[in-house]
Amino acid sequence: IGGGIIGVTAALELAERGVSVCLCEKGVIAGEQSSRNWGWTR
């Protein structure tokens, strides 16, 4: 539940491991804080 960076990277990891997964996002992918942050990876 949730299409921000946490939900998306979890889906990526699970799919890579062969686990069937469905991500449901109420709006658009990264529409909220995941696209609005400073962009630092510290």
PDB file of all heavy atoms in Angstrom:
ATOM      1  N   ILE A   1       0.860  -1.181   0.000  1.00  0.00           N
ATOM      2  CA  ILE A   1       0.000   0.000   0.000  1.00  0.00           C
ATOM      3  C   ILE A   1       0.896   1.231   0.000  1.00  0.00           C
ATOM      4  O   ILE A   1       1.579   1.517   0.985  1.00  0.00           O
ATOM      5  CB  ILE A   1      -0.927   0.011   1.225  1.00  0.00           C
ATOM      6  CG1 ILE A   1      -1.774  -1.266   1.268  1.00  0.00           C
ATOM      7  CG2 ILE A   1      -1.818   1.251   1.216  1.00  0.00           C
ATOM      8  CD1 ILE A   1      -2.557  -1.438   2.560  1.00  0.00           C
ATOM      9  N   GLY A   2       0.911   1.967  -1.107  1.00  0.00           N
ATOM     10  CA  GLY A   2       1.699   3.186  -1.189  1.00  0.00           C
ATOM     11  C   GLY A   2       2.758   3.128  -2.263  1.00  0.00           C
ATOM     12  O   GLY A   2       3.577   2.218  -2.299  1.00  0.00           O
ATOM     13  N   GLY A   3       2.741   4.144  -3.158  1.00  0.00           N
ATOM     14  CA  GLY A   3       3.653   4.182  -4.294  1.00  0.00           C
ATOM     15  C   GLY A   3       4.734   5.227  -4.178  1.00  0.00           C
ATOM     16  O   GLY A   3       5.130   5.818  -5.183  1.00  0.00           O
ATOM     17  N   GLY A   4       5.235   5.458  -2.953  1.00  0.00           N
ATOM     18  CA  GLY A   4       6.426   6.270  -2.776  1.00  0.00           C
ATOM     19  C   GLY A   4       7.667   5.409  -2.903  1.00  0.00           C
ATOM     20  O   GLY A   4       7.605   4.234  -3.292  1.00  0.00           O
ATOM     21  N   ILE A   5       8.816   5.961  -2.541  1.00  0.00           N
ATOM     22  CA  ILE A   5      10.055   5.226  -2.753  1.00  0.00           C
ATOM     23  C   ILE A   5      10.133   3.958  -1.915  1.00  0.00           C
ATOM     24  O   ILE A   5      10.700   2.951  -2.361  1.00  0.00           O
ATOM     25  CB  ILE A   5      11.284   6.120  -2.497  1.00  0.00           C
ATOM     26  CG1 ILE A   5      12.561   5.401  -2.974  1.00  0.00           C
ATOM     27  CG2 ILE A   5      11.380   6.543  -1.034  1.00  0.00           C
ATOM     28  CD1 ILE A   5      13.773   6.277  -3.059  1.00  0.00           C
ATOM     29  N   ILE A   6       9.546   3.946  -0.717  1.00  0.00           N
ATOM     30  CA  ILE A   6       9.613   2.752   0.120  1.00  0.00           C
ATOM     31  C   ILE A   6       8.798   1.619  -0.504  1.00  0.00           C
ATOM     32  O   ILE A   6       9.277   0.490  -0.644  1.00  0.00           O
ATOM     33  CB  ILE A   6       9.125   3.047   1.538  1.00  0.00           C
ATOM     34  CG1 ILE A   6       9.838   4.276   2.115  1.00  0.00           C
ATOM     35  CG2 ILE A   6       9.322   1.830   2.430  1.00  0.00           C
ATOM     36  CD1 ILE A   6      11.347   4.178   2.153  1.00  0.00           C
ATOM     37  N   GLY A   7       7.566   1.919  -0.877  1.00  0.00           N
ATOM     38  CA  GLY A   7       6.742   0.888  -1.495  1.00  0.00           C
ATOM     39  C   GLY A   7       7.302   0.407  -2.812  1.00  0.00           C
ATOM     40  O   GLY A   7       7.294  -0.793  -3.113  1.00  0.00           O
ATOM     41  N   VAL A   8       7.827   1.336  -3.615  1.00  0.00           N
ATOM     42  CA  VAL A   8       8.347   0.969  -4.935  1.00  0.00           C
ATOM     43  C   VAL A   8       9.610   0.118  -4.808  1.00  0.00           C
ATOM     44  O   VAL A   8       9.768  -0.889  -5.512  1.00  0.00           O
ATOM     45  CB  VAL A   8       8.609   2.229  -5.776  1.00  0.00           C
ATOM     46  CG1 VAL A   8       9.445   1.914  -7.005  1.00  0.00           C
ATOM     47  CG2 VAL A   8       7.277   2.855  -6.195  1.00  0.00           C
ATOM     48  N   THR A   9      10.533   0.487  -3.928  1.00  0.00           N
ATOM     49  CA  THR A   9      11.753  -0.324  -3.789  1.00  0.00           C
ATOM     50  C   THR A   9      11.446  -1.680  -3.172  1.00  0.00           C
ATOM     51  O   THR A   9      12.093  -2.685  -3.509  1.00  0.00           O
ATOM     52  CB  THR A   9      12.822   0.401  -2.959  1.00  0.00           C
ATOM     53  OG1 THR A   9      12.262   0.813  -1.699  1.00  0.00           O
ATOM     54  CG2 THR A   9      13.347   1.618  -3.695  1.00  0.00           C
ATOM     55  N   ALA A  10      10.455  -1.749  -2.287  1.00  0.00           N
ATOM     56  CA  ALA A  10      10.046  -3.049  -1.756  1.00  0.00           C
ATOM     57  C   ALA A  10       9.477  -3.922  -2.867  1.00  0.00           C
ATOM     58  O   ALA A  10       9.759  -5.133  -2.947  1.00  0.00           O
ATOM     59  CB  ALA A  10       9.023  -2.868  -0.640  1.00  0.00           C
ATOM     60  N   ALA A  11       8.657  -3.323  -3.748  1.00  0.00           N
ATOM     61  CA  ALA A  11       8.110  -4.078  -4.881  1.00  0.00           C
ATOM     62  C   ALA A  11       9.219  -4.554  -5.801  1.00  0.00           C
ATOM     63  O   ALA A  11       9.191  -5.689  -6.309  1.00  0.00           O
ATOM     64  CB  ALA A  11       7.115  -3.205  -5.645  1.00  0.00           C
ATOM     65  N   LEU A  12      10.207  -3.699  -6.049  1.00  0.00           N
ATOM     66  CA  LEU A  12      11.338  -4.073  -6.895  1.00  0.00           C
ATOM     67  C   LEU A  12      12.089  -5.253  -6.296  1.00  0.00           C
ATOM     68  O   LEU A  12      12.404  -6.224  -7.001  1.00  0.00           O
ATOM     69  CB  LEU A  12      12.266  -2.866  -7.059  1.00  0.00           C
ATOM     70  CG  LEU A  12      13.557  -3.078  -7.855  1.00  0.00           C
ATOM     71  CD1 LEU A  12      13.249  -3.445  -9.299  1.00  0.00           C
ATOM     72  CD2 LEU A  12      14.430  -1.811  -7.795  1.00  0.00           C
ATOM     73  N   GLU A  13      12.377  -5.184  -5.016  1.00  0.00           N
ATOM     74  CA  GLU A  13      13.102  -6.267  -4.347  1.00  0.00           C
ATOM     75  C   GLU A  13      12.316  -7.580  -4.394  1.00  0.00           C
ATOM     76  O   GLU A  13      12.865  -8.636  -4.692  1.00  0.00           O
ATOM     77  CB  GLU A  13      13.385  -5.891  -2.892  1.00  0.00           C
ATOM     78  CG  GLU A  13      14.500  -4.894  -2.709  1.00  0.00           C
ATOM     79  CD  GLU A  13      15.881  -5.531  -2.822  1.00  0.00           C
ATOM     80  OE1 GLU A  13      15.973  -6.776  -2.799  1.00  0.00           O
ATOM     81  OE2 GLU A  13      16.857  -4.787  -2.924  1.00  0.00           O
ATOM     82  N   LEU A  14      11.035  -7.514  -4.077  1.00  0.00           N
ATOM     83  CA  LEU A  14      10.218  -8.728  -4.068  1.00  0.00           C
ATOM     84  C   LEU A  14      10.104  -9.330  -5.458  1.00  0.00           C
ATOM     85  O   LEU A  14      10.195 -10.555  -5.639  1.00  0.00           O
ATOM     86  CB  LEU A  14       8.835  -8.426  -3.493  1.00  0.00           C
ATOM     87  CG  LEU A  14       8.800  -8.138  -1.984  1.00  0.00           C
ATOM     88  CD1 LEU A  14       7.460  -7.539  -1.588  1.00  0.00           C
ATOM     89  CD2 LEU A  14       9.069  -9.416  -1.190  1.00  0.00           C
ATOM     90  N   ALA A  15       9.910  -8.491  -6.458  1.00  0.00           N
ATOM     91  CA  ALA A  15       9.812  -8.996  -7.832  1.00  0.00           C
ATOM     92  C   ALA A  15      11.116  -9.654  -8.260  1.00  0.00           C
ATOM     93  O   ALA A  15      11.104 -10.689  -8.943  1.00  0.00           O
ATOM     94  CB  ALA A  15       9.448  -7.860  -8.779  1.00  0.00           C
ATOM     95  N   GLU A  16      12.243  -9.068  -7.877  1.00  0.00           N
ATOM     96  CA  GLU A  16      13.533  -9.679  -8.206  1.00  0.00           C
ATOM     97  C   GLU A  16      13.693 -11.049  -7.565  1.00  0.00           C
ATOM     98  O   GLU A  16      14.407 -11.902  -8.092  1.00  0.00           O
ATOM     99  CB  GLU A  16      14.676  -8.758  -7.751  1.00  0.00           C
ATOM    100  CG  GLU A  16      14.854  -7.521  -8.619  1.00  0.00           C
ATOM    101  CD  GLU A  16      15.945  -6.606  -8.101  1.00  0.00           C
ATOM    102  OE1 GLU A  16      16.213  -6.598  -6.871  1.00  0.00           O
ATOM    103  OE2 GLU A  16      16.541  -5.883  -8.922  1.00  0.00           O
ATOM    104  N   ARG A  17      13.027 -11.273  -6.444  1.00  0.00           N
ATOM    105  CA  ARG A  17      13.138 -12.552  -5.737  1.00  0.00           C
ATOM    106  C   ARG A  17      12.077 -13.553  -6.172  1.00  0.00           C
ATOM    107  O   ARG A  17      11.970 -14.639  -5.603  1.00  0.00           O
ATOM    108  CB  ARG A  17      13.048 -12.315  -4.227  1.00  0.00           C
ATOM    109  CG  ARG A  17      14.125 -11.367  -3.706  1.00  0.00           C
ATOM    110  CD  ARG A  17      14.037 -11.171  -2.204  1.00  0.00           C
ATOM    111  NE  ARG A  17      14.808  -9.995  -1.798  1.00  0.00           N
ATOM    112  CZ  ARG A  17      15.139  -9.719  -0.543  1.00  0.00           C
ATOM    113  NH1 ARG A  17      14.761 -10.546   0.431  1.00  0.00           N
ATOM    114  NH2 ARG A  17      15.827  -8.634  -0.253  1.00  0.00           N
ATOM    115  N   GLY A  18      11.280 -13.184  -7.146  1.00  0.00           N
ATOM    116  CA  GLY A  18      10.278 -14.113  -7.647  1.00  0.00           C
ATOM    117  C   GLY A  18       9.003 -14.162  -6.846  1.00  0.00           C
ATOM    118  O   GLY A  18       8.214 -15.101  -6.972  1.00  0.00           O
ATOM    119  N   VAL A  19       8.764 -13.170  -5.998  1.00  0.00           N
ATOM    120  CA  VAL A  19       7.535 -13.098  -5.214  1.00  0.00           C
ATOM    121  C   VAL A  19       6.504 -12.283  -5.994  1.00  0.00           C
ATOM    122  O   VAL A  19       6.816 -11.194  -6.485  1.00  0.00           O
ATOM    123  CB  VAL A  19       7.801 -12.424  -3.846  1.00  0.00           C
ATOM    124  CG1 VAL A  19       6.501 -12.271  -3.053  1.00  0.00           C
ATOM    125  CG2 VAL A  19       8.823 -13.224  -3.048  1.00  0.00           C
ATOM    126  N   SER A  20       5.301 -12.804  -6.118  1.00  0.00           N
ATOM    127  CA  SER A  20       4.265 -12.054  -6.834  1.00  0.00           C
ATOM    128  C   SER A  20       3.771 -10.922  -5.934  1.00  0.00           C
ATOM    129  O   SER A  20       3.438 -11.121  -4.766  1.00  0.00           O
ATOM    130  CB  SER A  20       3.108 -12.957  -7.243  1.00  0.00           C
ATOM    131  OG  SER A  20       2.450 -13.500  -6.120  1.00  0.00           O
ATOM    132  N   VAL A  21       3.729  -9.709  -6.497  1.00  0.00           N
ATOM    133  CA  VAL A  21       3.431  -8.533  -5.697  1.00  0.00           C
ATOM    134  C   VAL A  21       2.588  -7.556  -6.497  1.00  0.00           C
ATOM    135  O   VAL A  21       2.759  -7.407  -7.707  1.00  0.00           O
ATOM    136  CB  VAL A  21       4.753  -7.865  -5.225  1.00  0.00           C
ATOM    137  CG1 VAL A  21       5.641  -7.487  -6.401  1.00  0.00           C
ATOM    138  CG2 VAL A  21       4.484  -6.635  -4.360  1.00  0.00           C
ATOM    139  N   CYS A  22       1.666  -6.913  -5.802  1.00  0.00           N
ATOM    140  CA  CYS A  22       0.876  -5.843  -6.401  1.00  0.00           C
ATOM    141  C   CYS A  22       0.994  -4.614  -5.524  1.00  0.00           C
ATOM    142  O   CYS A  22       0.725  -4.674  -4.318  1.00  0.00           O
ATOM    143  CB  CYS A  22      -0.596  -6.247  -6.532  1.00  0.00           C
ATOM    144  SG  CYS A  22      -1.647  -4.931  -7.244  1.00  0.00           S
ATOM    145  N   LEU A  23       1.422  -3.510  -6.116  1.00  0.00           N
ATOM    146  CA  LEU A  23       1.491  -2.234  -5.410  1.00  0.00           C
ATOM    147  C   LEU A  23       0.275  -1.404  -5.786  1.00  0.00           C
ATOM    148  O   LEU A  23      -0.003  -1.211  -6.967  1.00  0.00           O
ATOM    149  CB  LEU A  23       2.785  -1.492  -5.775  1.00  0.00           C
ATOM    150  CG  LEU A  23       3.061  -0.161  -5.072  1.00  0.00           C
ATOM    151  CD1 LEU A  23       4.566   0.084  -4.995  1.00  0.00           C
ATOM    152  CD2 LEU A  23       2.389   1.016  -5.766  1.00  0.00           C
ATOM    153  N   CYS A  24      -0.435  -0.920  -4.766  1.00  0.00           N
ATOM    154  CA  CYS A  24      -1.607  -0.066  -4.992  1.00  0.00           C
ATOM    155  C   CYS A  24      -1.312   1.340  -4.506  1.00  0.00           C
ATOM    156  O   CYS A  24      -0.952   1.537  -3.337  1.00  0.00           O
ATOM    157  CB  CYS A  24      -2.823  -0.619  -4.259  1.00  0.00           C
ATOM    158  SG  CYS A  24      -3.416  -2.203  -4.882  1.00  0.00           S
ATOM    159  N   GLU A  25      -1.460   2.310  -5.375  1.00  0.00           N
ATOM    160  CA  GLU A  25      -1.230   3.718  -5.051  1.00  0.00           C
ATOM    161  C   GLU A  25      -2.514   4.499  -5.315  1.00  0.00           C
ATOM    162  O   GLU A  25      -3.086   4.412  -6.401  1.00  0.00           O
ATOM    163  CB  GLU A  25      -0.085   4.272  -5.893  1.00  0.00           C
ATOM    164  CG  GLU A  25       0.011   5.779  -5.979  1.00  0.00           C
ATOM    165  CD  GLU A  25       0.090   6.470  -4.624  1.00  0.00           C
ATOM    166  OE1 GLU A  25       0.849   5.990  -3.757  1.00  0.00           O
ATOM    167  OE2 GLU A  25      -0.607   7.475  -4.444  1.00  0.00           O
ATOM    168  N   LYS A  26      -2.967   5.265  -4.327  1.00  0.00           N
ATOM    169  CA  LYS A  26      -4.230   5.984  -4.464  1.00  0.00           C
ATOM    170  C   LYS A  26      -4.170   7.112  -5.484  1.00  0.00           C
ATOM    171  O   LYS A  26      -5.186   7.518  -6.028  1.00  0.00           O
ATOM    172  CB  LYS A  26      -4.657   6.552  -3.112  1.00  0.00           C
ATOM    173  CG  LYS A  26      -3.718   7.599  -2.543  1.00  0.00           C
ATOM    174  CD  LYS A  26      -4.183   8.081  -1.178  1.00  0.00           C
ATOM    175  CE  LYS A  26      -3.201   9.037  -0.552  1.00  0.00           C
ATOM    176  NZ  LYS A  26      -2.924  10.239  -1.361  1.00  0.00           N
ATOM    177  N   GLY A  27      -2.959   7.623  -5.744  1.00  0.00           N
ATOM    178  CA  GLY A  27      -2.792   8.702  -6.712  1.00  0.00           C
ATOM    179  C   GLY A  27      -1.824   8.296  -7.797  1.00  0.00           C
ATOM    180  O   GLY A  27      -2.089   7.382  -8.576  1.00  0.00           O
ATOM    181  N   VAL A  28      -0.673   8.989  -7.843  1.00  0.00           N
ATOM    182  CA  VAL A  28       0.347   8.676  -8.837  1.00  0.00           C
ATOM    183  C   VAL A  28       1.623   8.261  -8.131  1.00  0.00           C
ATOM    184  O   VAL A  28       1.862   8.607  -6.971  1.00  0.00           O
ATOM    185  CB  VAL A  28       0.629   9.880  -9.761  1.00  0.00           C
ATOM    186  CG1 VAL A  28      -0.610  10.267 -10.540  1.00  0.00           C
ATOM    187  CG2 VAL A  28       1.155  11.069  -8.974  1.00  0.00           C
ATOM    188  N   ILE A  29       2.463   7.524  -8.832  1.00  0.00           N
ATOM    189  CA  ILE A  29       3.730   7.097  -8.264  1.00  0.00           C
ATOM    190  C   ILE A  29       4.576   8.327  -7.901  1.00  0.00           C
ATOM    191  O   ILE A  29       4.781   9.215  -8.732  1.00  0.00           O
ATOM    192  CB  ILE A  29       4.488   6.190  -9.248  1.00  0.00           C
ATOM    193  CG1 ILE A  29       3.708   4.886  -9.490  1.00  0.00           C
ATOM    194  CG2 ILE A  29       5.903   5.884  -8.739  1.00  0.00           C
ATOM    195  CD1 ILE A  29       3.493   4.031  -8.268  1.00  0.00           C
ATOM    196  N   ALA A  30       5.029   8.368  -6.646  1.00  0.00           N
ATOM    197  CA  ALA A  30       5.900   9.434  -6.138  1.00  0.00           C
ATOM    198  C   ALA A  30       5.232  10.806  -6.164  1.00  0.00           C
ATOM    199  O   ALA A  30       5.915  11.819  -6.229  1.00  0.00           O
ATOM    200  CB  ALA A  30       7.224   9.477  -6.899  1.00  0.00           C
ATOM    201  N   GLY A  31       3.916  10.852  -6.075  1.00  0.00           N
ATOM    202  CA  GLY A  31       3.225  12.133  -6.136  1.00  0.00           C
ATOM    203  C   GLY A  31       3.392  12.983  -4.887  1.00  0.00           C
ATOM    204  O   GLY A  31       3.231  14.194  -4.950  1.00  0.00           O
ATOM    205  N   GLU A  32       3.713  12.334  -3.767  1.00  0.00           N
ATOM    206  CA  GLU A  32       3.813  13.090  -2.522  1.00  0.00           C
ATOM    207  C   GLU A  32       5.285  13.285  -2.139  1.00  0.00           C
ATOM    208  O   GLU A  32       6.084  13.717  -2.969  1.00  0.00           O
ATOM    209  CB  GLU A  32       2.949  12.418  -1.444  1.00  0.00           C
ATOM    210  CG  GLU A  32       1.486  12.474  -1.841  1.00  0.00           C
ATOM    211  CD  GLU A  32       0.502  11.928  -0.828  1.00  0.00           C
ATOM    212  OE1 GLU A  32       0.888  11.043  -0.033  1.00  0.00           O
ATOM    213  OE2 GLU A  32      -0.654  12.376  -0.843  1.00  0.00           O
ATOM    214  N   GLN A  33       5.687  12.990  -0.922  1.00  0.00           N
ATOM    215  CA  GLN A  33       7.009  13.400  -0.457  1.00  0.00           C
ATOM    216  C   GLN A  33       8.160  12.784  -1.244  1.00  0.00           C
ATOM    217  O   GLN A  33       9.256  13.364  -1.313  1.00  0.00           O
ATOM    218  CB  GLN A  33       7.154  13.066   1.038  1.00  0.00           C
ATOM    219  CG  GLN A  33       8.456  13.502   1.677  1.00  0.00           C
ATOM    220  CD  GLN A  33       8.700  15.010   1.595  1.00  0.00           C
ATOM    221  OE1 GLN A  33       7.786  15.778   1.317  1.00  0.00           O
ATOM    222  NE2 GLN A  33       9.928  15.433   1.841  1.00  0.00           N
ATOM    223  N   SER A  34       7.959  11.650  -1.872  1.00  0.00           N
ATOM    224  CA  SER A  34       9.053  10.989  -2.591  1.00  0.00           C
ATOM    225  C   SER A  34       9.548  11.780  -3.797  1.00  0.00           C
ATOM    226  O   SER A  34      10.656  11.541  -4.278  1.00  0.00           O
ATOM    227  CB  SER A  34       8.631   9.581  -3.032  1.00  0.00           C
ATOM    228  OG  SER A  34       8.560   8.727  -1.905  1.00  0.00           O
ATOM    229  N   SER A  35       8.750  12.727  -4.291  1.00  0.00           N
ATOM    230  CA  SER A  35       9.220  13.585  -5.386  1.00  0.00           C
ATOM    231  C   SER A  35       9.517  15.001  -4.905  1.00  0.00           C
ATOM    232  O   SER A  35      10.020  15.822  -5.685  1.00  0.00           O
ATOM    233  CB  SER A  35       8.181  13.649  -6.507  1.00  0.00           C
ATOM    234  OG  SER A  35       6.971  14.226  -6.037  1.00  0.00           O
ATOM    235  N   ARG A  36       9.241  15.299  -3.633  1.00  0.00           N
ATOM    236  CA  ARG A  36       9.299  16.677  -3.140  1.00  0.00           C
ATOM    237  C   ARG A  36      10.483  16.933  -2.222  1.00  0.00           C
ATOM    238  O   ARG A  36      10.680  18.045  -1.749  1.00  0.00           O
ATOM    239  CB  ARG A  36       7.998  16.995  -2.386  1.00  0.00           C
ATOM    240  CG  ARG A  36       6.780  16.940  -3.288  1.00  0.00           C
ATOM    241  CD  ARG A  36       5.477  16.787  -2.487  1.00  0.00           C
ATOM    242  NE  ARG A  36       4.374  16.581  -3.405  1.00  0.00           N
ATOM    243  CZ  ARG A  36       3.579  17.554  -3.846  1.00  0.00           C
ATOM    244  NH1 ARG A  36       3.768  18.794  -3.436  1.00  0.00           N
ATOM    245  NH2 ARG A  36       2.606  17.289  -4.688  1.00  0.00           N
ATOM    246  N   ASN A  37      11.252  15.910  -1.942  1.00  0.00           N
ATOM    247  CA  ASN A  37      12.367  16.035  -1.007  1.00  0.00           C
ATOM    248  C   ASN A  37      13.561  16.715  -1.671  1.00  0.00           C
ATOM    249  O   ASN A  37      13.537  17.046  -2.855  1.00  0.00           O
ATOM    250  CB  ASN A  37      12.749  14.653  -0.468  1.00  0.00           C
ATOM    251  CG  ASN A  37      13.191  13.718  -1.575  1.00  0.00           C
ATOM    252  OD1 ASN A  37      14.339  13.737  -2.007  1.00  0.00           O
ATOM    253  ND2 ASN A  37      12.262  12.901  -2.067  1.00  0.00           N
ATOM    254  N   TRP A  38      14.640  16.871  -0.932  1.00  0.00           N
ATOM    255  CA  TRP A  38      15.804  17.604  -1.428  1.00  0.00           C
ATOM    256  C   TRP A  38      16.640  16.810  -2.424  1.00  0.00           C
ATOM    257  O   TRP A  38      17.489  17.385  -3.110  1.00  0.00           O
ATOM    258  CB  TRP A  38      16.705  18.000  -0.261  1.00  0.00           C
ATOM    259  CG  TRP A  38      16.095  18.938   0.726  1.00  0.00           C
ATOM    260  CD1 TRP A  38      14.865  19.536   0.645  1.00  0.00           C
ATOM    261  CD2 TRP A  38      16.682  19.387   1.943  1.00  0.00           C
ATOM    262  NE1 TRP A  38      14.648  20.325   1.744  1.00  0.00           N
ATOM    263  CE2 TRP A  38      15.753  20.251   2.558  1.00  0.00           C
ATOM    264  CE3 TRP A  38      17.901  19.148   2.578  1.00  0.00           C
ATOM    265  CZ2 TRP A  38      16.014  20.876   3.780  1.00  0.00           C
ATOM    266  CZ3 TRP A  38      18.155  19.760   3.790  1.00  0.00           C
ATOM    267  CH2 TRP A  38      17.213  20.617   4.385  1.00  0.00           C
ATOM    268  N   GLY A  39      16.480  15.491  -2.466  1.00  0.00           N
ATOM    269  CA  GLY A  39      17.282  14.688  -3.388  1.00  0.00           C
ATOM    270  C   GLY A  39      18.645  14.295  -2.852  1.00  0.00           C
ATOM    271  O   GLY A  39      19.503  13.857  -3.613  1.00  0.00           O
ATOM    272  N   TRP A  40      18.850  14.428  -1.536  1.00  0.00           N
ATOM    273  CA  TRP A  40      20.108  14.005  -0.929  1.00  0.00           C
ATOM    274  C   TRP A  40      20.054  12.498  -0.628  1.00  0.00           C
ATOM    275  O   TRP A  40      19.028  11.978  -0.192  1.00  0.00           O
ATOM    276  CB  TRP A  40      20.345  14.732   0.380  1.00  0.00           C
ATOM    277  CG  TRP A  40      20.502  16.216   0.294  1.00  0.00           C
ATOM    278  CD1 TRP A  40      20.009  17.058  -0.654  1.00  0.00           C
ATOM    279  CD2 TRP A  40      21.197  17.040   1.236  1.00  0.00           C
ATOM    280  NE1 TRP A  40      20.345  18.356  -0.377  1.00  0.00           N
ATOM    281  CE2 TRP A  40      21.085  18.378   0.789  1.00  0.00           C
ATOM    282  CE3 TRP A  40      21.901  16.789   2.407  1.00  0.00           C
ATOM    283  CZ2 TRP A  40      21.646  19.453   1.476  1.00  0.00           C
ATOM    284  CZ3 TRP A  40      22.467  17.855   3.099  1.00  0.00           C
ATOM    285  CH2 TRP A  40      22.344  19.168   2.642  1.00  0.00           C
ATOM    286  N   THR A  41      21.150  11.813  -0.839  1.00  0.00           N
ATOM    287  CA  THR A  41      21.270  10.418  -0.398  1.00  0.00           C
ATOM    288  C   THR A  41      22.479  10.366   0.532  1.00  0.00           C
ATOM    289  O   THR A  41      23.598  10.145   0.111  1.00  0.00           O
ATOM    290  CB  THR A  41      21.431   9.452  -1.583  1.00  0.00           C
ATOM    291  OG1 THR A  41      22.648   9.736  -2.280  1.00  0.00           O
ATOM    292  CG2 THR A  41      20.274   9.588  -2.556  1.00  0.00           C
ATOM    293  N   ARG A  42      22.213  10.626   1.783  1.00  0.00           N
ATOM    294  CA  ARG A  42      23.314  10.846   2.720  1.00  0.00           C
ATOM    295  C   ARG A  42      23.352   9.799   3.828  1.00  0.00           C
ATOM    296  O   ARG A  42      22.332   9.226   4.217  1.00  0.00           O
ATOM    297  CB  ARG A  42      23.236  12.239   3.344  1.00  0.00           C
ATOM    298  CG  ARG A  42      22.083  12.456   4.296  1.00  0.00           C
ATOM    299  CD  ARG A  42      22.122  13.852   4.918  1.00  0.00           C
ATOM    300  NE  ARG A  42      20.904  14.129   5.659  1.00  0.00           N
ATOM    301  CZ  ARG A  42      20.748  13.883   6.956  1.00  0.00           C
ATOM    302  NH1 ARG A  42      21.730  13.338   7.643  1.00  0.00           N
ATOM    303  NH2 ARG A  42      19.610  14.167   7.557  1.00  0.00           N
TER     304      ARG A  42
END
